Amino acid sequence: MKPANLLRIDTLDDEWRDKDMVMLHACFQILCDFIEKEQGENKVIAAPDRQGLVKLYAWWKARNRDEANMSESEYAEDSWHLSQLIKMRPLLWS
């Protein structure tokens, strides 16, 4: 039985990251785990109140950044999407 309270962040390696980036990756890893492991993508898509989660998931999967050299606008875009995910927190239940 795997511990349910461990979070493996697939998008980060063992290199040092500033905590703001760790937070971003951790939150979106929780979303990915929810959609891929807990709900199944098709179930989430079928729920009208969860369409925003699917859009955030798609954005995260398509996101491609050089985080060491991000522009202010890229950082702001990441922050906006993170804030949207936080607002949808009540929807992350199985």
PDB file of N, CA and C in Angstrom:
ATOM      1  N   MET A   1       0.851  -1.183   0.000  1.00  0.00           N
ATOM      2  CA  MET A   1       0.000   0.000   0.000  1.00  0.00           C
ATOM      3  C   MET A   1       0.892   1.240   0.000  1.00  0.00           C
ATOM      4  N   LYS A   2       0.645   2.126  -0.925  1.00  0.00           N
ATOM      5  CA  LYS A   2       1.437   3.349  -1.015  1.00  0.00           C
ATOM      6  C   LYS A   2       0.883   4.398  -0.060  1.00  0.00           C
ATOM      7  N   PRO A   3       1.760   5.175   0.547  1.00  0.00           N
ATOM      8  CA  PRO A   3       1.252   6.286   1.372  1.00  0.00           C
ATOM      9  C   PRO A   3       0.519   7.296   0.496  1.00  0.00           C
ATOM     10  N   ALA A   4      -0.650   7.696   0.925  1.00  0.00           N
ATOM     11  CA  ALA A   4      -1.468   8.611   0.125  1.00  0.00           C
ATOM     12  C   ALA A   4      -1.069  10.066   0.297  1.00  0.00           C
ATOM     13  N   ASN A   5      -0.207  10.357   1.246  1.00  0.00           N
ATOM     14  CA  ASN A   5       0.131  11.752   1.509  1.00  0.00           C
ATOM     15  C   ASN A   5       1.484  12.150   0.937  1.00  0.00           C
ATOM     16  N   LEU A   6       2.073  11.323   0.064  1.00  0.00           N
ATOM     17  CA  LEU A   6       3.329  11.670  -0.591  1.00  0.00           C
ATOM     18  C   LEU A   6       3.024  12.216  -1.983  1.00  0.00           C
ATOM     19  N   LEU A   7       3.733  13.255  -2.350  1.00  0.00           N
ATOM     20  CA  LEU A   7       3.532  13.868  -3.657  1.00  0.00           C
ATOM     21  C   LEU A   7       4.835  13.788  -4.437  1.00  0.00           C
ATOM     22  N   ARG A   8       4.823  13.015  -5.510  1.00  0.00           N
ATOM     23  CA  ARG A   8       5.974  12.936  -6.399  1.00  0.00           C
ATOM     24  C   ARG A   8       5.710  13.900  -7.542  1.00  0.00           C
ATOM     25  N   ILE A   9       6.592  14.874  -7.698  1.00  0.00           N
ATOM     26  CA  ILE A   9       6.407  15.901  -8.731  1.00  0.00           C
ATOM     27  C   ILE A   9       7.171  15.463  -9.979  1.00  0.00           C
ATOM     28  N   ASP A  10       6.427  14.984 -10.955  1.00  0.00           N
ATOM     29  CA  ASP A  10       7.026  14.416 -12.163  1.00  0.00           C
ATOM     30  C   ASP A  10       7.767  15.436 -13.015  1.00  0.00           C
ATOM     31  N   THR A  11       7.396  16.695 -12.923  1.00  0.00           N
ATOM     32  CA  THR A  11       7.979  17.723 -13.793  1.00  0.00           C
ATOM     33  C   THR A  11       9.248  18.345 -13.221  1.00  0.00           C
ATOM     34  N   LEU A  12       9.666  17.920 -12.028  1.00  0.00           N
ATOM     35  CA  LEU A  12      10.895  18.447 -11.431  1.00  0.00           C
ATOM     36  C   LEU A  12      11.919  17.347 -11.245  1.00  0.00           C
ATOM     37  N   ASP A  13      13.180  17.713 -11.440  1.00  0.00           N
ATOM     38  CA  ASP A  13      14.262  16.769 -11.176  1.00  0.00           C
ATOM     39  C   ASP A  13      14.852  17.083  -9.796  1.00  0.00           C
ATOM     40  N   ASP A  14      16.016  16.562  -9.507  1.00  0.00           N
ATOM     41  CA  ASP A  14      16.626  16.755  -8.191  1.00  0.00           C
ATOM     42  C   ASP A  14      17.412  18.056  -8.064  1.00  0.00           C
ATOM     43  N   GLU A  15      17.419  18.864  -9.109  1.00  0.00           N
ATOM     44  CA  GLU A  15      18.137  20.140  -9.068  1.00  0.00           C
ATOM     45  C   GLU A  15      17.410  21.136  -8.171  1.00  0.00           C
ATOM     46  N   TRP A  16      18.147  22.110  -7.671  1.00  0.00           N
ATOM     47  CA  TRP A  16      17.572  23.148  -6.812  1.00  0.00           C
ATOM     48  C   TRP A  16      16.547  23.977  -7.583  1.00  0.00           C
ATOM     49  N   ARG A  17      15.430  24.284  -6.951  1.00  0.00           N
ATOM     50  CA  ARG A  17      14.411  25.186  -7.500  1.00  0.00           C
ATOM     51  C   ARG A  17      13.991  26.147  -6.405  1.00  0.00           C
ATOM     52  N   ASP A  18      13.702  27.361  -6.792  1.00  0.00           N
ATOM     53  CA  ASP A  18      13.125  28.304  -5.837  1.00  0.00           C
ATOM     54  C   ASP A  18      11.739  27.798  -5.458  1.00  0.00           C
ATOM     55  N   LYS A  19      11.344  28.112  -4.252  1.00  0.00           N
ATOM     56  CA  LYS A  19      10.099  27.563  -3.713  1.00  0.00           C
ATOM     57  C   LYS A  19       8.857  28.022  -4.462  1.00  0.00           C
ATOM     58  N   ASP A  20       8.899  29.190  -5.094  1.00  0.00           N
ATOM     59  CA  ASP A  20       7.731  29.600  -5.878  1.00  0.00           C
ATOM     60  C   ASP A  20       7.499  28.660  -7.052  1.00  0.00           C
ATOM     61  N   MET A  21       8.581  28.154  -7.631  1.00  0.00           N
ATOM     62  CA  MET A  21       8.455  27.191  -8.729  1.00  0.00           C
ATOM     63  C   MET A  21       8.038  25.815  -8.210  1.00  0.00           C
ATOM     64  N   VAL A  22       8.550  25.427  -7.048  1.00  0.00           N
ATOM     65  CA  VAL A  22       8.142  24.155  -6.449  1.00  0.00           C
ATOM     66  C   VAL A  22       6.638  24.189  -6.166  1.00  0.00           C
ATOM     67  N   MET A  23       6.150  25.317  -5.653  1.00  0.00           N
ATOM     68  CA  MET A  23       4.722  25.457  -5.361  1.00  0.00           C
ATOM     69  C   MET A  23       3.887  25.289  -6.634  1.00  0.00           C
ATOM     70  N   LEU A  24       4.298  25.955  -7.703  1.00  0.00           N
ATOM     71  CA  LEU A  24       3.591  25.855  -8.971  1.00  0.00           C
ATOM     72  C   LEU A  24       3.521  24.410  -9.436  1.00  0.00           C
ATOM     73  N   HIS A  25       4.659  23.753  -9.459  1.00  0.00           N
ATOM     74  CA  HIS A  25       4.723  22.367  -9.928  1.00  0.00           C
ATOM     75  C   HIS A  25       3.948  21.425  -9.009  1.00  0.00           C
ATOM     76  N   ALA A  26       4.025  21.647  -7.710  1.00  0.00           N
ATOM     77  CA  ALA A  26       3.313  20.783  -6.759  1.00  0.00           C
ATOM     78  C   ALA A  26       1.806  20.893  -6.952  1.00  0.00           C
ATOM     79  N   CYS A  27       1.303  22.102  -7.077  1.00  0.00           N
ATOM     80  CA  CYS A  27      -0.145  22.288  -7.242  1.00  0.00           C
ATOM     81  C   CYS A  27      -0.632  21.650  -8.534  1.00  0.00           C
ATOM     82  N   PHE A  28       0.115  21.832  -9.607  1.00  0.00           N
ATOM     83  CA  PHE A  28      -0.317  21.234 -10.869  1.00  0.00           C
ATOM     84  C   PHE A  28      -0.095  19.726 -10.892  1.00  0.00           C
ATOM     85  N   GLN A  29       0.843  19.211 -10.104  1.00  0.00           N
ATOM     86  CA  GLN A  29       0.975  17.762  -9.979  1.00  0.00           C
ATOM     87  C   GLN A  29      -0.259  17.181  -9.297  1.00  0.00           C
ATOM     88  N   ILE A  30      -0.774  17.880  -8.306  1.00  0.00           N
ATOM     89  CA  ILE A  30      -2.000  17.439  -7.633  1.00  0.00           C
ATOM     90  C   ILE A  30      -3.151  17.392  -8.640  1.00  0.00           C
ATOM     91  N   LEU A  31      -3.253  18.415  -9.486  1.00  0.00           N
ATOM     92  CA  LEU A  31      -4.291  18.420 -10.518  1.00  0.00           C
ATOM     93  C   LEU A  31      -4.109  17.242 -11.476  1.00  0.00           C
ATOM     94  N   CYS A  32      -2.881  17.025 -11.937  1.00  0.00           N
ATOM     95  CA  CYS A  32      -2.614  15.920 -12.862  1.00  0.00           C
ATOM     96  C   CYS A  32      -2.958  14.578 -12.225  1.00  0.00           C
ATOM     97  N   ASP A  33      -2.558  14.384 -10.972  1.00  0.00           N
ATOM     98  CA  ASP A  33      -2.881  13.141 -10.276  1.00  0.00           C
ATOM     99  C   ASP A  33      -4.390  12.959 -10.161  1.00  0.00           C
ATOM    100  N   PHE A  34      -5.096  14.035  -9.870  1.00  0.00           N
ATOM    101  CA  PHE A  34      -6.549  13.975  -9.743  1.00  0.00           C
ATOM    102  C   PHE A  34      -7.187  13.528 -11.055  1.00  0.00           C
ATOM    103  N   ILE A  35      -6.775  14.153 -12.143  1.00  0.00           N
ATOM    104  CA  ILE A  35      -7.383  13.834 -13.437  1.00  0.00           C
ATOM    105  C   ILE A  35      -6.924  12.474 -13.952  1.00  0.00           C
ATOM    106  N   GLU A  36      -5.648  12.181 -13.849  1.00  0.00           N
ATOM    107  CA  GLU A  36      -5.114  10.964 -14.438  1.00  0.00           C
ATOM    108  C   GLU A  36      -5.340   9.719 -13.581  1.00  0.00           C
ATOM    109  N   LYS A  37      -5.340   9.871 -12.266  1.00  0.00           N
ATOM    110  CA  LYS A  37      -5.388   8.693 -11.397  1.00  0.00           C
ATOM    111  C   LYS A  37      -6.690   8.551 -10.628  1.00  0.00           C
ATOM    112  N   GLU A  38      -7.227   9.648 -10.155  1.00  0.00           N
ATOM    113  CA  GLU A  38      -8.407   9.558  -9.307  1.00  0.00           C
ATOM    114  C   GLU A  38      -9.707   9.571 -10.099  1.00  0.00           C
ATOM    115  N   GLN A  39      -9.826  10.490 -11.038  1.00  0.00           N
ATOM    116  CA  GLN A  39     -11.080  10.664 -11.760  1.00  0.00           C
ATOM    117  C   GLN A  39     -11.095   9.999 -13.118  1.00  0.00           C
ATOM    118  N   GLY A  40      -9.995  10.031 -13.784  1.00  0.00           N
ATOM    119  CA  GLY A  40     -10.003   9.626 -15.185  1.00  0.00           C
ATOM    120  C   GLY A  40     -10.448  10.817 -16.013  1.00  0.00           C
ATOM    121  N   GLU A  41      -9.719  11.104 -17.039  1.00  0.00           N
ATOM    122  CA  GLU A  41      -9.963  12.304 -17.832  1.00  0.00           C
ATOM    123  C   GLU A  41     -11.395  12.378 -18.349  1.00  0.00           C
ATOM    124  N   ASN A  42     -11.955  11.276 -18.799  1.00  0.00           N
ATOM    125  CA  ASN A  42     -13.307  11.290 -19.368  1.00  0.00           C
ATOM    126  C   ASN A  42     -14.363  11.649 -18.331  1.00  0.00           C
ATOM    127  N   LYS A  43     -14.206  11.176 -17.099  1.00  0.00           N
ATOM    128  CA  LYS A  43     -15.162  11.516 -16.042  1.00  0.00           C
ATOM    129  C   LYS A  43     -15.142  13.010 -15.754  1.00  0.00           C
ATOM    130  N   VAL A  44     -13.946  13.591 -15.683  1.00  0.00           N
ATOM    131  CA  VAL A  44     -13.835  15.014 -15.376  1.00  0.00           C
ATOM    132  C   VAL A  44     -14.431  15.847 -16.498  1.00  0.00           C
ATOM    133  N   ILE A  45     -14.157  15.455 -17.736  1.00  0.00           N
ATOM    134  CA  ILE A  45     -14.673  16.200 -18.876  1.00  0.00           C
ATOM    135  C   ILE A  45     -16.206  16.171 -18.887  1.00  0.00           C
ATOM    136  N   ALA A  46     -16.787  15.056 -18.471  1.00  0.00           N
ATOM    137  CA  ALA A  46     -18.242  14.918 -18.478  1.00  0.00           C
ATOM    138  C   ALA A  46     -18.925  15.780 -17.415  1.00  0.00           C
ATOM    139  N   ALA A  47     -18.214  16.185 -16.405  1.00  0.00           N
ATOM    140  CA  ALA A  47     -18.808  16.994 -15.339  1.00  0.00           C
ATOM    141  C   ALA A  47     -18.709  18.475 -15.706  1.00  0.00           C
ATOM    142  N   PRO A  48     -19.835  19.131 -15.976  1.00  0.00           N
ATOM    143  CA  PRO A  48     -19.801  20.526 -16.436  1.00  0.00           C
ATOM    144  C   PRO A  48     -19.102  21.475 -15.470  1.00  0.00           C
ATOM    145  N   ASP A  49     -19.244  21.247 -14.176  1.00  0.00           N
ATOM    146  CA  ASP A  49     -18.622  22.153 -13.218  1.00  0.00           C
ATOM    147  C   ASP A  49     -17.113  21.960 -13.133  1.00  0.00           C
ATOM    148  N   ARG A  50     -16.598  20.952 -13.789  1.00  0.00           N
ATOM    149  CA  ARG A  50     -15.157  20.681 -13.736  1.00  0.00           C
ATOM    150  C   ARG A  50     -14.436  20.988 -15.043  1.00  0.00           C
ATOM    151  N   GLN A  51     -15.110  21.646 -15.972  1.00  0.00           N
ATOM    152  CA  GLN A  51     -14.483  21.986 -17.252  1.00  0.00           C
ATOM    153  C   GLN A  51     -13.242  22.864 -17.058  1.00  0.00           C
ATOM    154  N   GLY A  52     -13.287  23.753 -16.062  1.00  0.00           N
ATOM    155  CA  GLY A  52     -12.135  24.608 -15.795  1.00  0.00           C
ATOM    156  C   GLY A  52     -10.911  23.805 -15.396  1.00  0.00           C
ATOM    157  N   LEU A  53     -11.117  22.713 -14.669  1.00  0.00           N
ATOM    158  CA  LEU A  53     -10.003  21.839 -14.293  1.00  0.00           C
ATOM    159  C   LEU A  53      -9.359  21.230 -15.528  1.00  0.00           C
ATOM    160  N   VAL A  54     -10.187  20.814 -16.476  1.00  0.00           N
ATOM    161  CA  VAL A  54      -9.673  20.206 -17.703  1.00  0.00           C
ATOM    162  C   VAL A  54      -8.881  21.233 -18.513  1.00  0.00           C
ATOM    163  N   LYS A  55      -9.363  22.467 -18.549  1.00  0.00           N
ATOM    164  CA  LYS A  55      -8.635  23.520 -19.274  1.00  0.00           C
ATOM    165  C   LYS A  55      -7.284  23.799 -18.623  1.00  0.00           C
ATOM    166  N   LEU A  56      -7.254  23.854 -17.302  1.00  0.00           N
ATOM    167  CA  LEU A  56      -5.978  24.061 -16.605  1.00  0.00           C
ATOM    168  C   LEU A  56      -5.042  22.887 -16.826  1.00  0.00           C
ATOM    169  N   TYR A  57      -5.567  21.690 -16.798  1.00  0.00           N
ATOM    170  CA  TYR A  57      -4.769  20.486 -17.049  1.00  0.00           C
ATOM    171  C   TYR A  57      -4.141  20.548 -18.449  1.00  0.00           C
ATOM    172  N   ALA A  58      -4.948  20.902 -19.437  1.00  0.00           N
ATOM    173  CA  ALA A  58      -4.450  20.997 -20.817  1.00  0.00           C
ATOM    174  C   ALA A  58      -3.373  22.074 -20.940  1.00  0.00           C
ATOM    175  N   TRP A  59      -3.590  23.220 -20.274  1.00  0.00           N
ATOM    176  CA  TRP A  59      -2.587  24.288 -20.313  1.00  0.00           C
ATOM    177  C   TRP A  59      -1.274  23.790 -19.706  1.00  0.00           C
ATOM    178  N   TRP A  60      -1.352  23.127 -18.567  1.00  0.00           N
ATOM    179  CA  TRP A  60      -0.147  22.655 -17.887  1.00  0.00           C
ATOM    180  C   TRP A  60       0.600  21.645 -18.748  1.00  0.00           C
ATOM    181  N   LYS A  61      -0.127  20.723 -19.363  1.00  0.00           N
ATOM    182  CA  LYS A  61       0.507  19.694 -20.181  1.00  0.00           C
ATOM    183  C   LYS A  61       1.184  20.302 -21.411  1.00  0.00           C
ATOM    184  N   ALA A  62       0.643  21.405 -21.919  1.00  0.00           N
ATOM    185  CA  ALA A  62       1.209  22.055 -23.105  1.00  0.00           C
ATOM    186  C   ALA A  62       2.282  23.082 -22.747  1.00  0.00           C
ATOM    187  N   ARG A  63       2.350  23.475 -21.477  1.00  0.00           N
ATOM    188  CA  ARG A  63       3.275  24.522 -21.023  1.00  0.00           C
ATOM    189  C   ARG A  63       4.715  24.088 -21.279  1.00  0.00           C
ATOM    190  N   ASN A  64       5.489  25.008 -21.843  1.00  0.00           N
ATOM    191  CA  ASN A  64       6.897  24.719 -22.124  1.00  0.00           C
ATOM    192  C   ASN A  64       7.688  25.984 -21.817  1.00  0.00           C
ATOM    193  N   ARG A  65       8.399  25.965 -20.700  1.00  0.00           N
ATOM    194  CA  ARG A  65       9.123  27.160 -20.262  1.00  0.00           C
ATOM    195  C   ARG A  65      10.568  26.819 -19.919  1.00  0.00           C
ATOM    196  N   ASP A  66      11.435  27.774 -20.173  1.00  0.00           N
ATOM    197  CA  ASP A  66      12.785  27.756 -19.615  1.00  0.00           C
ATOM    198  C   ASP A  66      12.679  28.536 -18.317  1.00  0.00           C
ATOM    199  N   GLU A  67      12.446  27.834 -17.225  1.00  0.00           N
ATOM    200  CA  GLU A  67      12.156  28.511 -15.961  1.00  0.00           C
ATOM    201  C   GLU A  67      13.327  29.323 -15.439  1.00  0.00           C
ATOM    202  N   ALA A  68      14.521  29.028 -15.876  1.00  0.00           N
ATOM    203  CA  ALA A  68      15.683  29.799 -15.445  1.00  0.00           C
ATOM    204  C   ALA A  68      15.725  31.173 -16.111  1.00  0.00           C
ATOM    205  N   ASN A  69      15.025  31.307 -17.225  1.00  0.00           N
ATOM    206  CA  ASN A  69      15.053  32.568 -17.987  1.00  0.00           C
ATOM    207  C   ASN A  69      13.648  33.023 -18.365  1.00  0.00           C
ATOM    208  N   MET A  70      12.718  32.905 -17.444  1.00  0.00           N
ATOM    209  CA  MET A  70      11.343  33.295 -17.744  1.00  0.00           C
ATOM    210  C   MET A  70      11.203  34.810 -17.794  1.00  0.00           C
ATOM    211  N   SER A  71      10.348  35.257 -18.703  1.00  0.00           N
ATOM    212  CA  SER A  71      10.027  36.679 -18.762  1.00  0.00           C
ATOM    213  C   SER A  71       8.985  36.997 -17.692  1.00  0.00           C
ATOM    214  N   GLU A  72       8.804  38.279 -17.444  1.00  0.00           N
ATOM    215  CA  GLU A  72       7.782  38.698 -16.475  1.00  0.00           C
ATOM    216  C   GLU A  72       6.393  38.262 -16.930  1.00  0.00           C
ATOM    217  N   SER A  73       6.135  38.329 -18.219  1.00  0.00           N
ATOM    218  CA  SER A  73       4.808  37.944 -18.716  1.00  0.00           C
ATOM    219  C   SER A  73       4.581  36.436 -18.578  1.00  0.00           C
ATOM    220  N   GLU A  74       5.617  35.629 -18.771  1.00  0.00           N
ATOM    221  CA  GLU A  74       5.478  34.182 -18.569  1.00  0.00           C
ATOM    222  C   GLU A  74       5.225  33.861 -17.099  1.00  0.00           C
ATOM    223  N   TYR A  75       5.951  34.547 -16.223  1.00  0.00           N
ATOM    224  CA  TYR A  75       5.755  34.345 -14.784  1.00  0.00           C
ATOM    225  C   TYR A  75       4.339  34.758 -14.381  1.00  0.00           C
ATOM    226  N   ALA A  76       3.867  35.873 -14.941  1.00  0.00           N
ATOM    227  CA  ALA A  76       2.513  36.340 -14.647  1.00  0.00           C
ATOM    228  C   ALA A  76       1.467  35.357 -15.167  1.00  0.00           C
ATOM    229  N   GLU A  77       1.702  34.790 -16.324  1.00  0.00           N
ATOM    230  CA  GLU A  77       0.775  33.792 -16.872  1.00  0.00           C
ATOM    231  C   GLU A  77       0.722  32.562 -15.963  1.00  0.00           C
ATOM    232  N   ASP A  78       1.887  32.079 -15.530  1.00  0.00           N
ATOM    233  CA  ASP A  78       1.934  30.958 -14.590  1.00  0.00           C
ATOM    234  C   ASP A  78       1.165  31.298 -13.315  1.00  0.00           C
ATOM    235  N   SER A  79       1.374  32.484 -12.795  1.00  0.00           N
ATOM    236  CA  SER A  79       0.712  32.901 -11.553  1.00  0.00           C
ATOM    237  C   SER A  79      -0.796  32.975 -11.727  1.00  0.00           C
ATOM    238  N   TRP A  80      -1.247  33.471 -12.878  1.00  0.00           N
ATOM    239  CA  TRP A  80      -2.680  33.549 -13.137  1.00  0.00           C
ATOM    240  C   TRP A  80      -3.298  32.154 -13.150  1.00  0.00           C
ATOM    241  N   HIS A  81      -2.658  31.223 -13.860  1.00  0.00           N
ATOM    242  CA  HIS A  81      -3.187  29.860 -13.918  1.00  0.00           C
ATOM    243  C   HIS A  81      -3.163  29.199 -12.543  1.00  0.00           C
ATOM    244  N   LEU A  82      -2.130  29.442 -11.777  1.00  0.00           N
ATOM    245  CA  LEU A  82      -2.073  28.897 -10.416  1.00  0.00           C
ATOM    246  C   LEU A  82      -3.222  29.453  -9.577  1.00  0.00           C
ATOM    247  N   SER A  83      -3.488  30.737  -9.683  1.00  0.00           N
ATOM    248  CA  SER A  83      -4.588  31.327  -8.908  1.00  0.00           C
ATOM    249  C   SER A  83      -5.939  30.739  -9.331  1.00  0.00           C
ATOM    250  N   GLN A  84      -6.095  30.442 -10.615  1.00  0.00           N
ATOM    251  CA  GLN A  84      -7.339  29.808 -11.080  1.00  0.00           C
ATOM    252  C   GLN A  84      -7.489  28.401 -10.498  1.00  0.00           C
ATOM    253  N   LEU A  85      -6.388  27.671 -10.431  1.00  0.00           N
ATOM    254  CA  LEU A  85      -6.422  26.335  -9.841  1.00  0.00           C
ATOM    255  C   LEU A  85      -6.802  26.404  -8.366  1.00  0.00           C
ATOM    256  N   ILE A  86      -6.240  27.351  -7.648  1.00  0.00           N
ATOM    257  CA  ILE A  86      -6.562  27.503  -6.224  1.00  0.00           C
ATOM    258  C   ILE A  86      -8.051  27.804  -6.040  1.00  0.00           C
ATOM    259  N   LYS A  87      -8.610  28.629  -6.925  1.00  0.00           N
ATOM    260  CA  LYS A  87     -10.044  28.943  -6.846  1.00  0.00           C
ATOM    261  C   LYS A  87     -10.909  27.702  -7.070  1.00  0.00           C
ATOM    262  N   MET A  88     -10.384  26.732  -7.820  1.00  0.00           N
ATOM    263  CA  MET A  88     -11.141  25.513  -8.124  1.00  0.00           C
ATOM    264  C   MET A  88     -10.883  24.394  -7.121  1.00  0.00           C
ATOM    265  N   ARG A  89     -10.162  24.700  -6.087  1.00  0.00           N
ATOM    266  CA  ARG A  89      -9.812  23.702  -5.077  1.00  0.00           C
ATOM    267  C   ARG A  89     -11.005  22.885  -4.580  1.00  0.00           C
ATOM    268  N   PRO A  90     -12.183  23.495  -4.351  1.00  0.00           N
ATOM    269  CA  PRO A  90     -13.317  22.686  -3.870  1.00  0.00           C
ATOM    270  C   PRO A  90     -13.756  21.588  -4.833  1.00  0.00           C
ATOM    271  N   LEU A  91     -13.362  21.663  -6.099  1.00  0.00           N
ATOM    272  CA  LEU A  91     -13.756  20.653  -7.077  1.00  0.00           C
ATOM    273  C   LEU A  91     -12.849  19.422  -7.052  1.00  0.00           C
ATOM    274  N   LEU A  92     -11.759  19.485  -6.322  1.00  0.00           N
ATOM    275  CA  LEU A  92     -10.786  18.381  -6.310  1.00  0.00           C
ATOM    276  C   LEU A  92     -11.147  17.335  -5.259  1.00  0.00           C
ATOM    277  N   TRP A  93     -12.267  16.701  -5.456  1.00  0.00           N
ATOM    278  CA  TRP A  93     -12.658  15.613  -4.582  1.00  0.00           C
ATOM    279  C   TRP A  93     -13.075  14.445  -5.472  1.00  0.00           C
ATOM    280  N   SER A  94     -12.943  13.267  -4.962  1.00  0.00           N
ATOM    281  CA  SER A  94     -13.304  12.076  -5.742  1.00  0.00           C
ATOM    282  C   SER A  94     -14.572  11.459  -5.207  1.00  0.00           C
TER     283      SER A  94
END
